[in-house]
PDB file of N, CA and C in Angstrom:
ATOM      1  N   MET A   1       8.040   7.272   5.578  1.00  0.00           N
ATOM      2  CA  MET A   1       7.647   6.102   4.828  1.00  0.00           C
ATOM      3  C   MET A   1       7.036   6.507   3.502  1.00  0.00           C
ATOM      4  N   GLY A   2       6.121   7.467   3.510  1.00  0.00           N
ATOM      5  CA  GLY A   2       5.423   7.853   2.300  1.00  0.00           C
ATOM      6  C   GLY A   2       6.345   8.291   1.190  1.00  0.00           C
ATOM      7  N   GLY A   3       7.393   9.029   1.531  1.00  0.00           N
ATOM      8  CA  GLY A   3       8.323   9.503   0.519  1.00  0.00           C
ATOM      9  C   GLY A   3       9.020   8.371  -0.203  1.00  0.00           C
ATOM     10  N   LYS A   4       9.367   7.336   0.526  1.00  0.00           N
ATOM     11  CA  LYS A   4      10.023   6.183  -0.088  1.00  0.00           C
ATOM     12  C   LYS A   4       9.076   5.458  -1.029  1.00  0.00           C
ATOM     13  N   LEU A   5       7.852   5.238  -0.592  1.00  0.00           N
ATOM     14  CA  LEU A   5       6.885   4.546  -1.443  1.00  0.00           C
ATOM     15  C   LEU A   5       6.592   5.370  -2.687  1.00  0.00           C
ATOM     16  N   GLU A   6       6.331   6.642  -2.509  1.00  0.00           N
ATOM     17  CA  GLU A   6       6.025   7.490  -3.665  1.00  0.00           C
ATOM     18  C   GLU A   6       7.177   7.533  -4.651  1.00  0.00           C
ATOM     19  N   ALA A   7       8.394   7.504  -4.160  1.00  0.00           N
ATOM     20  CA  ALA A   7       9.558   7.531  -5.038  1.00  0.00           C
ATOM     21  C   ALA A   7       9.718   6.238  -5.826  1.00  0.00           C
ATOM     22  N   ARG A   8       9.115   5.148  -5.342  1.00  0.00           N
ATOM     23  CA  ARG A   8       9.303   3.849  -5.995  1.00  0.00           C
ATOM     24  C   ARG A   8       8.041   3.315  -6.669  1.00  0.00           C
ATOM     25  N   LEU A   9       7.019   4.142  -6.816  1.00  0.00           N
ATOM     26  CA  LEU A   9       5.762   3.685  -7.412  1.00  0.00           C
ATOM     27  C   LEU A   9       5.954   3.083  -8.804  1.00  0.00           C
ATOM     28  N   LYS A  10       6.881   3.609  -9.564  1.00  0.00           N
ATOM     29  CA  LYS A  10       7.094   3.107 -10.924  1.00  0.00           C
ATOM     30  C   LYS A  10       7.638   1.678 -10.947  1.00  0.00           C
ATOM     31  N   GLU A  11       8.160   1.214  -9.826  1.00  0.00           N
ATOM     32  CA  GLU A  11       8.680  -0.150  -9.747  1.00  0.00           C
ATOM     33  C   GLU A  11       7.584  -1.187  -9.528  1.00  0.00           C
ATOM     34  N   LEU A  12       6.403  -0.736  -9.147  1.00  0.00           N
ATOM     35  CA  LEU A  12       5.301  -1.654  -8.880  1.00  0.00           C
ATOM     36  C   LEU A  12       4.660  -2.112 -10.187  1.00  0.00           C
ATOM     37  N   PRO A  13       4.021  -3.284 -10.154  1.00  0.00           N
ATOM     38  CA  PRO A  13       3.347  -3.768 -11.363  1.00  0.00           C
ATOM     39  C   PRO A  13       2.224  -2.818 -11.791  1.00  0.00           C
ATOM     40  N   GLU A  14       1.603  -3.118 -12.890  1.00  0.00           N
ATOM     41  CA  GLU A  14       0.562  -2.236 -13.416  1.00  0.00           C
ATOM     42  C   GLU A  14      -0.506  -1.940 -12.365  1.00  0.00           C
ATOM     43  N   LYS A  15      -1.144  -0.817 -12.529  1.00  0.00           N
ATOM     44  CA  LYS A  15      -2.045  -0.274 -11.513  1.00  0.00           C
ATOM     45  C   LYS A  15      -3.349  -1.041 -11.365  1.00  0.00           C
ATOM     46  N   ASN A  16      -3.688  -1.910 -12.311  1.00  0.00           N
ATOM     47  CA  ASN A  16      -4.952  -2.642 -12.199  1.00  0.00           C
ATOM     48  C   ASN A  16      -4.773  -4.040 -11.621  1.00  0.00           C
ATOM     49  N   ARG A  17      -3.568  -4.370 -11.155  1.00  0.00           N
ATOM     50  CA  ARG A  17      -3.331  -5.658 -10.501  1.00  0.00           C
ATOM     51  C   ARG A  17      -3.564  -5.534  -9.003  1.00  0.00           C
ATOM     52  N   ALA A  18      -3.925  -6.632  -8.373  1.00  0.00           N
ATOM     53  CA  ALA A  18      -4.139  -6.630  -6.925  1.00  0.00           C
ATOM     54  C   ALA A  18      -2.833  -6.315  -6.212  1.00  0.00           C
ATOM     55  N   THR A  19      -2.903  -5.413  -5.241  1.00  0.00           N
ATOM     56  CA  THR A  19      -1.755  -5.033  -4.428  1.00  0.00           C
ATOM     57  C   THR A  19      -2.162  -5.172  -2.970  1.00  0.00           C
ATOM     58  N   VAL A  20      -1.402  -5.962  -2.221  1.00  0.00           N
ATOM     59  CA  VAL A  20      -1.701  -6.224  -0.816  1.00  0.00           C
ATOM     60  C   VAL A  20      -0.665  -5.519   0.045  1.00  0.00           C
ATOM     61  N   VAL A  21      -1.129  -4.810   1.069  1.00  0.00           N
ATOM     62  CA  VAL A  21      -0.221  -4.124   1.994  1.00  0.00           C
ATOM     63  C   VAL A  21      -0.538  -4.558   3.417  1.00  0.00           C
ATOM     64  N   TYR A  22       0.497  -4.559   4.243  1.00  0.00           N
ATOM     65  CA  TYR A  22       0.339  -4.859   5.660  1.00  0.00           C
ATOM     66  C   TYR A  22       1.559  -4.342   6.403  1.00  0.00           C
ATOM     67  N   CYS A  23       1.452  -4.242   7.700  1.00  0.00           N
ATOM     68  CA  CYS A  23       2.589  -3.840   8.532  1.00  0.00           C
ATOM     69  C   CYS A  23       2.374  -4.378   9.944  1.00  0.00           C
ATOM     70  N   ARG A  24       3.275  -4.067  10.829  1.00  0.00           N
ATOM     71  CA  ARG A  24       3.200  -4.603  12.184  1.00  0.00           C
ATOM     72  C   ARG A  24       1.999  -4.073  12.960  1.00  0.00           C
ATOM     73  N   SER A  25       1.749  -2.769  12.879  1.00  0.00           N
ATOM     74  CA  SER A  25       0.692  -2.198  13.716  1.00  0.00           C
ATOM     75  C   SER A  25      -0.512  -1.661  12.944  1.00  0.00           C
ATOM     76  N   GLY A  26      -0.426  -1.535  11.640  1.00  0.00           N
ATOM     77  CA  GLY A  26      -1.559  -1.092  10.826  1.00  0.00           C
ATOM     78  C   GLY A  26      -1.480   0.342  10.342  1.00  0.00           C
ATOM     79  N   GLY A  27      -0.689   1.180  10.975  1.00  0.00           N
ATOM     80  CA  GLY A  27      -0.609   2.592  10.582  1.00  0.00           C
ATOM     81  C   GLY A  27       0.067   2.807   9.244  1.00  0.00           C
ATOM     82  N   ARG A  28       1.181   2.153   9.046  1.00  0.00           N
ATOM     83  CA  ARG A  28       1.911   2.329   7.777  1.00  0.00           C
ATOM     84  C   ARG A  28       1.167   1.707   6.605  1.00  0.00           C
ATOM     85  N   SER A  29       0.473   0.591   6.851  1.00  0.00           N
ATOM     86  CA  SER A  29      -0.285  -0.010   5.750  1.00  0.00           C
ATOM     87  C   SER A  29      -1.444   0.884   5.341  1.00  0.00           C
ATOM     88  N   ALA A  30      -2.069   1.550   6.294  1.00  0.00           N
ATOM     89  CA  ALA A  30      -3.150   2.497   5.972  1.00  0.00           C
ATOM     90  C   ALA A  30      -2.604   3.665   5.162  1.00  0.00           C
ATOM     91  N   ALA A  31      -1.446   4.171   5.550  1.00  0.00           N
ATOM     92  CA  ALA A  31      -0.824   5.276   4.808  1.00  0.00           C
ATOM     93  C   ALA A  31      -0.440   4.830   3.405  1.00  0.00           C
ATOM     94  N   ALA A  32       0.107   3.630   3.289  1.00  0.00           N
ATOM     95  CA  ALA A  32       0.495   3.106   1.974  1.00  0.00           C
ATOM     96  C   ALA A  32      -0.723   2.911   1.088  1.00  0.00           C
ATOM     97  N   THR A  33      -1.820   2.447   1.666  1.00  0.00           N
ATOM     98  CA  THR A  33      -3.057   2.274   0.899  1.00  0.00           C
ATOM     99  C   THR A  33      -3.512   3.609   0.322  1.00  0.00           C
ATOM    100  N   ALA A  34      -3.497   4.645   1.129  1.00  0.00           N
ATOM    101  CA  ALA A  34      -3.911   5.969   0.660  1.00  0.00           C
ATOM    102  C   ALA A  34      -3.011   6.462  -0.465  1.00  0.00           C
ATOM    103  N   ILE A  35      -1.720   6.254  -0.339  1.00  0.00           N
ATOM    104  CA  ILE A  35      -0.776   6.679  -1.381  1.00  0.00           C
ATOM    105  C   ILE A  35      -1.049   5.928  -2.674  1.00  0.00           C
ATOM    106  N   LEU A  36      -1.232   4.627  -2.584  1.00  0.00           N
ATOM    107  CA  LEU A  36      -1.477   3.817  -3.781  1.00  0.00           C
ATOM    108  C   LEU A  36      -2.783   4.200  -4.457  1.00  0.00           C
ATOM    109  N   LEU A  37      -3.826   4.419  -3.691  1.00  0.00           N
ATOM    110  CA  LEU A  37      -5.109   4.818  -4.276  1.00  0.00           C
ATOM    111  C   LEU A  37      -5.001   6.179  -4.957  1.00  0.00           C
ATOM    112  N   ARG A  38      -4.302   7.133  -4.325  1.00  0.00           N
ATOM    113  CA  ARG A  38      -4.102   8.451  -4.955  1.00  0.00           C
ATOM    114  C   ARG A  38      -3.302   8.339  -6.245  1.00  0.00           C
ATOM    115  N   ALA A  39      -2.424   7.344  -6.309  1.00  0.00           N
ATOM    116  CA  ALA A  39      -1.584   7.152  -7.496  1.00  0.00           C
ATOM    117  C   ALA A  39      -2.318   6.401  -8.605  1.00  0.00           C
ATOM    118  N   GLY A  40      -3.564   5.995  -8.354  1.00  0.00           N
ATOM    119  CA  GLY A  40      -4.359   5.358  -9.392  1.00  0.00           C
ATOM    120  C   GLY A  40      -4.433   3.847  -9.331  1.00  0.00           C
ATOM    121  N   PHE A  41      -3.902   3.243  -8.285  1.00  0.00           N
ATOM    122  CA  PHE A  41      -4.033   1.793  -8.146  1.00  0.00           C
ATOM    123  C   PHE A  41      -5.478   1.480  -7.788  1.00  0.00           C
ATOM    124  N   THR A  42      -6.039   0.468  -8.429  1.00  0.00           N
ATOM    125  CA  THR A  42      -7.472   0.227  -8.298  1.00  0.00           C
ATOM    126  C   THR A  42      -7.833  -0.926  -7.378  1.00  0.00           C
ATOM    127  N   GLN A  43      -6.910  -1.854  -7.154  1.00  0.00           N
ATOM    128  CA  GLN A  43      -7.193  -3.027  -6.326  1.00  0.00           C
ATOM    129  C   GLN A  43      -6.182  -3.095  -5.186  1.00  0.00           C
ATOM    130  N   VAL A  44      -6.363  -2.259  -4.180  1.00  0.00           N
ATOM    131  CA  VAL A  44      -5.451  -2.218  -3.038  1.00  0.00           C
ATOM    132  C   VAL A  44      -6.166  -2.835  -1.846  1.00  0.00           C
ATOM    133  N   TYR A  45      -5.525  -3.815  -1.244  1.00  0.00           N
ATOM    134  CA  TYR A  45      -6.104  -4.535  -0.116  1.00  0.00           C
ATOM    135  C   TYR A  45      -5.200  -4.374   1.100  1.00  0.00           C
ATOM    136  N   ASP A  46      -5.712  -3.730   2.125  1.00  0.00           N
ATOM    137  CA  ASP A  46      -4.954  -3.482   3.344  1.00  0.00           C
ATOM    138  C   ASP A  46      -5.296  -4.563   4.362  1.00  0.00           C
ATOM    139  N   LEU A  47      -4.333  -5.441   4.645  1.00  0.00           N
ATOM    140  CA  LEU A  47      -4.547  -6.493   5.633  1.00  0.00           C
ATOM    141  C   LEU A  47      -4.384  -5.975   7.058  1.00  0.00           C
ATOM    142  N   GLY A  48      -3.928  -4.735   7.174  1.00  0.00           N
ATOM    143  CA  GLY A  48      -3.793  -4.116   8.472  1.00  0.00           C
ATOM    144  C   GLY A  48      -2.634  -4.645   9.293  1.00  0.00           C
ATOM    145  N   ALA A  49      -2.836  -4.709  10.590  1.00  0.00           N
ATOM    146  CA  ALA A  49      -1.770  -5.082  11.509  1.00  0.00           C
ATOM    147  C   ALA A  49      -1.556  -6.584  11.538  1.00  0.00           C
ATOM    148  N   MET A  50      -0.300  -6.995  11.478  1.00  0.00           N
ATOM    149  CA  MET A  50       0.032  -8.412  11.584  1.00  0.00           C
ATOM    150  C   MET A  50      -0.370  -8.960  12.955  1.00  0.00           C
ATOM    151  N   SER A  51      -0.395  -8.105  13.952  1.00  0.00           N
ATOM    152  CA  SER A  51      -0.766  -8.556  15.292  1.00  0.00           C
ATOM    153  C   SER A  51      -2.215  -9.002  15.367  1.00  0.00           C
ATOM    154  N   ASN A  52      -3.029  -8.638  14.382  1.00  0.00           N
ATOM    155  CA  ASN A  52      -4.443  -9.061  14.340  1.00  0.00           C
ATOM    156  C   ASN A  52      -4.631 -10.425  13.676  1.00  0.00           C
ATOM    157  N   TRP A  53      -3.574 -10.941  13.104  1.00  0.00           N
ATOM    158  CA  TRP A  53      -3.723 -12.211  12.404  1.00  0.00           C
ATOM    159  C   TRP A  53      -3.816 -13.314  13.388  1.00  0.00           C
TER     160      TRP A  53
END
């Protein structure tokens, strides 16, 4: 998963806009949050697992 996200970071809007991530179980959204923060995104919100909604 990480390789795909990292390869497509340039397609995302500017780094200071709010970015929301979520997934079915919470693991991939946590990984995506870490990747985005390392890439300089400043407003990353991890909603975690959809099963918790």
